[in-house]
Amino acid sequence: MSSSGAAVGECKKTSWPEVVGLTIKEAKEIILKDKPEADIVVVPVGSAVTEDFRPNRVRIFVGTVVETPHVG
């Protein structure tokens, strides 16, 4: 776990590698358990995003094709 300005003995999580491969809903639930004040933003991989730092913003980048594309 990473900490940033946390009180002594208290760690605030800043990343969630354990949600890789989960659904967006599952990822949001896990992140919100650790960081209830999180403003979660779902963004397609490769999208342009602002570079400003917001301590409550957590971006979930998505972009996996889960079914075979087909005509019809």
N, C-alpha and C. Protein backbone atom coordinates (compact mmCIF):
# COMPACT_ATOMS: atom_id res chain seq x y z
N MET A 1 0.83 -1.18 0.00
CA MET A 1 0.00 0.00 0.00
C MET A 1 0.87 1.24 0.00
N SER A 2 0.37 2.27 -0.64
CA SER A 2 1.09 3.54 -0.67
C SER A 2 0.43 4.50 0.30
N SER A 3 1.19 5.45 0.77
CA SER A 3 0.59 6.47 1.62
C SER A 3 0.97 7.84 1.09
N SER A 4 0.09 8.78 1.30
CA SER A 4 0.38 10.14 0.89
C SER A 4 -0.25 11.08 1.91
N GLY A 5 0.56 11.57 2.82
CA GLY A 5 0.06 12.48 3.83
C GLY A 5 -0.81 11.79 4.86
N ALA A 6 -0.69 10.50 5.02
CA ALA A 6 -1.51 9.77 5.98
C ALA A 6 -0.93 9.94 7.38
N ALA A 7 -1.81 9.84 8.36
CA ALA A 7 -1.37 9.92 9.74
C ALA A 7 -0.48 8.72 10.05
N VAL A 8 0.33 8.84 11.10
CA VAL A 8 1.22 7.75 11.48
C VAL A 8 0.38 6.51 11.76
N GLY A 9 0.78 5.38 11.18
CA GLY A 9 0.06 4.13 11.38
C GLY A 9 -1.12 3.94 10.45
N GLU A 10 -1.42 4.93 9.63
CA GLU A 10 -2.56 4.84 8.71
C GLU A 10 -2.05 4.94 7.28
N CYS A 11 -2.40 3.94 6.46
CA CYS A 11 -2.00 3.96 5.06
C CYS A 11 -3.22 4.20 4.20
N LYS A 12 -3.10 5.08 3.25
CA LYS A 12 -4.20 5.32 2.31
C LYS A 12 -3.80 4.72 0.98
N LYS A 13 -4.64 3.87 0.47
CA LYS A 13 -4.36 3.17 -0.77
C LYS A 13 -4.47 4.12 -1.95
N THR A 14 -3.54 3.99 -2.90
CA THR A 14 -3.55 4.87 -4.07
C THR A 14 -3.59 4.10 -5.39
N SER A 15 -3.60 2.78 -5.34
CA SER A 15 -3.75 1.98 -6.55
C SER A 15 -4.37 0.64 -6.19
N TRP A 16 -5.00 0.02 -7.17
CA TRP A 16 -5.75 -1.21 -6.95
C TRP A 16 -5.43 -2.25 -8.03
N PRO A 17 -4.23 -2.83 -8.02
CA PRO A 17 -3.89 -3.82 -9.04
C PRO A 17 -4.78 -5.06 -8.97
N GLU A 18 -5.37 -5.31 -7.84
CA GLU A 18 -6.20 -6.50 -7.68
C GLU A 18 -7.51 -6.46 -8.48
N VAL A 19 -7.88 -5.30 -9.02
CA VAL A 19 -9.13 -5.22 -9.78
C VAL A 19 -8.94 -5.45 -11.27
N VAL A 20 -7.70 -5.59 -11.72
CA VAL A 20 -7.44 -5.85 -13.14
C VAL A 20 -8.12 -7.16 -13.53
N GLY A 21 -8.92 -7.13 -14.58
CA GLY A 21 -9.63 -8.31 -15.05
C GLY A 21 -11.04 -8.44 -14.51
N LEU A 22 -11.41 -7.62 -13.53
CA LEU A 22 -12.77 -7.66 -12.98
C LEU A 22 -13.70 -6.79 -13.82
N THR A 23 -15.00 -6.90 -13.58
CA THR A 23 -15.95 -6.02 -14.24
C THR A 23 -15.82 -4.62 -13.66
N ILE A 24 -16.35 -3.65 -14.37
CA ILE A 24 -16.31 -2.27 -13.87
C ILE A 24 -17.04 -2.18 -12.54
N LYS A 25 -18.19 -2.83 -12.45
CA LYS A 25 -18.97 -2.80 -11.21
C LYS A 25 -18.17 -3.37 -10.04
N GLU A 26 -17.53 -4.53 -10.26
CA GLU A 26 -16.73 -5.14 -9.20
C GLU A 26 -15.56 -4.24 -8.80
N ALA A 27 -14.90 -3.66 -9.78
CA ALA A 27 -13.77 -2.77 -9.50
C ALA A 27 -14.22 -1.57 -8.68
N LYS A 28 -15.34 -0.96 -9.07
CA LYS A 28 -15.85 0.19 -8.33
C LYS A 28 -16.14 -0.18 -6.88
N GLU A 29 -16.76 -1.32 -6.66
CA GLU A 29 -17.10 -1.74 -5.30
C GLU A 29 -15.86 -1.88 -4.43
N ILE A 30 -14.82 -2.49 -4.98
CA ILE A 30 -13.58 -2.69 -4.22
C ILE A 30 -12.90 -1.35 -3.94
N ILE A 31 -12.83 -0.49 -4.93
CA ILE A 31 -12.20 0.82 -4.75
C ILE A 31 -12.96 1.64 -3.71
N LEU A 32 -14.29 1.63 -3.81
CA LEU A 32 -15.08 2.42 -2.86
C LEU A 32 -15.01 1.88 -1.43
N LYS A 33 -14.74 0.60 -1.26
CA LYS A 33 -14.54 0.06 0.10
C LYS A 33 -13.28 0.67 0.72
N ASP A 34 -12.24 0.81 -0.09
CA ASP A 34 -10.98 1.37 0.40
C ASP A 34 -10.99 2.89 0.45
N LYS A 35 -11.74 3.51 -0.46
CA LYS A 35 -11.73 4.97 -0.60
C LYS A 35 -13.16 5.43 -0.88
N PRO A 36 -14.01 5.50 0.15
CA PRO A 36 -15.43 5.82 -0.05
C PRO A 36 -15.68 7.18 -0.71
N GLU A 37 -14.73 8.09 -0.57
CA GLU A 37 -14.91 9.43 -1.15
C GLU A 37 -14.45 9.51 -2.61
N ALA A 38 -14.04 8.37 -3.17
CA ALA A 38 -13.50 8.36 -4.54
C ALA A 38 -14.55 8.81 -5.56
N ASP A 39 -14.08 9.63 -6.50
CA ASP A 39 -14.86 10.02 -7.67
C ASP A 39 -14.32 9.14 -8.80
N ILE A 40 -15.02 8.05 -9.09
CA ILE A 40 -14.53 7.07 -10.06
C ILE A 40 -14.99 7.45 -11.45
N VAL A 41 -14.01 7.49 -12.38
CA VAL A 41 -14.28 7.85 -13.76
C VAL A 41 -13.84 6.68 -14.65
N VAL A 42 -14.77 6.16 -15.46
CA VAL A 42 -14.44 5.07 -16.38
C VAL A 42 -14.08 5.68 -17.73
N VAL A 43 -12.89 5.31 -18.23
CA VAL A 43 -12.35 5.93 -19.44
C VAL A 43 -11.86 4.84 -20.39
N PRO A 44 -12.19 4.94 -21.69
CA PRO A 44 -11.62 3.97 -22.64
C PRO A 44 -10.10 4.12 -22.72
N VAL A 45 -9.40 2.99 -22.82
CA VAL A 45 -7.95 3.01 -22.95
C VAL A 45 -7.57 3.86 -24.16
N GLY A 46 -6.56 4.70 -23.99
CA GLY A 46 -6.09 5.54 -25.07
C GLY A 46 -6.77 6.89 -25.16
N SER A 47 -7.78 7.12 -24.34
CA SER A 47 -8.47 8.41 -24.36
C SER A 47 -7.57 9.52 -23.82
N ALA A 48 -7.79 10.71 -24.33
CA ALA A 48 -7.10 11.86 -23.79
C ALA A 48 -7.70 12.20 -22.43
N VAL A 49 -6.85 12.41 -21.44
CA VAL A 49 -7.31 12.78 -20.11
C VAL A 49 -6.50 13.98 -19.62
N THR A 50 -7.08 14.73 -18.72
CA THR A 50 -6.37 15.86 -18.16
C THR A 50 -5.24 15.36 -17.27
N GLU A 51 -4.22 16.17 -17.10
CA GLU A 51 -3.08 15.78 -16.27
C GLU A 51 -3.11 16.41 -14.89
N ASP A 52 -4.21 17.08 -14.55
CA ASP A 52 -4.30 17.68 -13.22
C ASP A 52 -4.47 16.57 -12.18
N PHE A 53 -3.95 16.81 -10.98
CA PHE A 53 -4.03 15.82 -9.91
C PHE A 53 -5.22 16.15 -9.02
N ARG A 54 -6.09 15.18 -8.85
CA ARG A 54 -7.22 15.30 -7.93
C ARG A 54 -7.16 14.11 -6.99
N PRO A 55 -6.95 14.34 -5.71
CA PRO A 55 -6.75 13.23 -4.78
C PRO A 55 -7.94 12.29 -4.64
N ASN A 56 -9.14 12.73 -5.00
CA ASN A 56 -10.31 11.86 -4.87
C ASN A 56 -10.69 11.18 -6.18
N ARG A 57 -10.02 11.53 -7.29
CA ARG A 57 -10.37 10.94 -8.58
C ARG A 57 -9.60 9.64 -8.78
N VAL A 58 -10.33 8.60 -9.19
CA VAL A 58 -9.73 7.33 -9.55
C VAL A 58 -10.23 6.99 -10.94
N ARG A 59 -9.33 6.83 -11.88
CA ARG A 59 -9.72 6.48 -13.25
C ARG A 59 -9.59 4.98 -13.45
N ILE A 60 -10.63 4.39 -14.04
CA ILE A 60 -10.60 2.99 -14.43
C ILE A 60 -10.52 2.99 -15.95
N PHE A 61 -9.41 2.50 -16.49
CA PHE A 61 -9.24 2.45 -17.94
C PHE A 61 -9.71 1.10 -18.44
N VAL A 62 -10.63 1.11 -19.41
CA VAL A 62 -11.20 -0.13 -19.94
C VAL A 62 -10.98 -0.21 -21.44
N GLY A 63 -10.97 -1.43 -21.97
CA GLY A 63 -10.78 -1.54 -23.39
C GLY A 63 -10.63 -2.96 -23.91
N THR A 64 -11.12 -3.94 -23.18
CA THR A 64 -10.99 -5.31 -23.61
C THR A 64 -12.19 -5.72 -24.48
N VAL A 65 -11.92 -6.34 -25.60
CA VAL A 65 -13.00 -6.90 -26.42
C VAL A 65 -13.35 -8.24 -25.79
N VAL A 66 -14.61 -8.41 -25.39
CA VAL A 66 -14.99 -9.62 -24.68
C VAL A 66 -15.78 -10.62 -25.52
N GLU A 67 -16.22 -10.21 -26.69
CA GLU A 67 -16.90 -11.13 -27.61
C GLU A 67 -16.39 -10.89 -29.02
N THR A 68 -16.54 -11.90 -29.85
CA THR A 68 -16.11 -11.78 -31.24
C THR A 68 -17.00 -10.81 -32.00
N PRO A 69 -16.44 -9.75 -32.58
CA PRO A 69 -17.24 -8.84 -33.39
C PRO A 69 -17.75 -9.57 -34.64
N HIS A 70 -18.97 -9.30 -35.02
CA HIS A 70 -19.51 -9.94 -36.22
C HIS A 70 -20.56 -9.06 -36.89
N VAL A 71 -20.79 -9.30 -38.15
CA VAL A 71 -21.78 -8.58 -38.93
C VAL A 71 -23.16 -9.06 -38.52
N GLY A 72 -24.10 -8.14 -38.46
CA GLY A 72 -25.48 -8.57 -38.21
C GLY A 72 -26.11 -7.76 -37.23
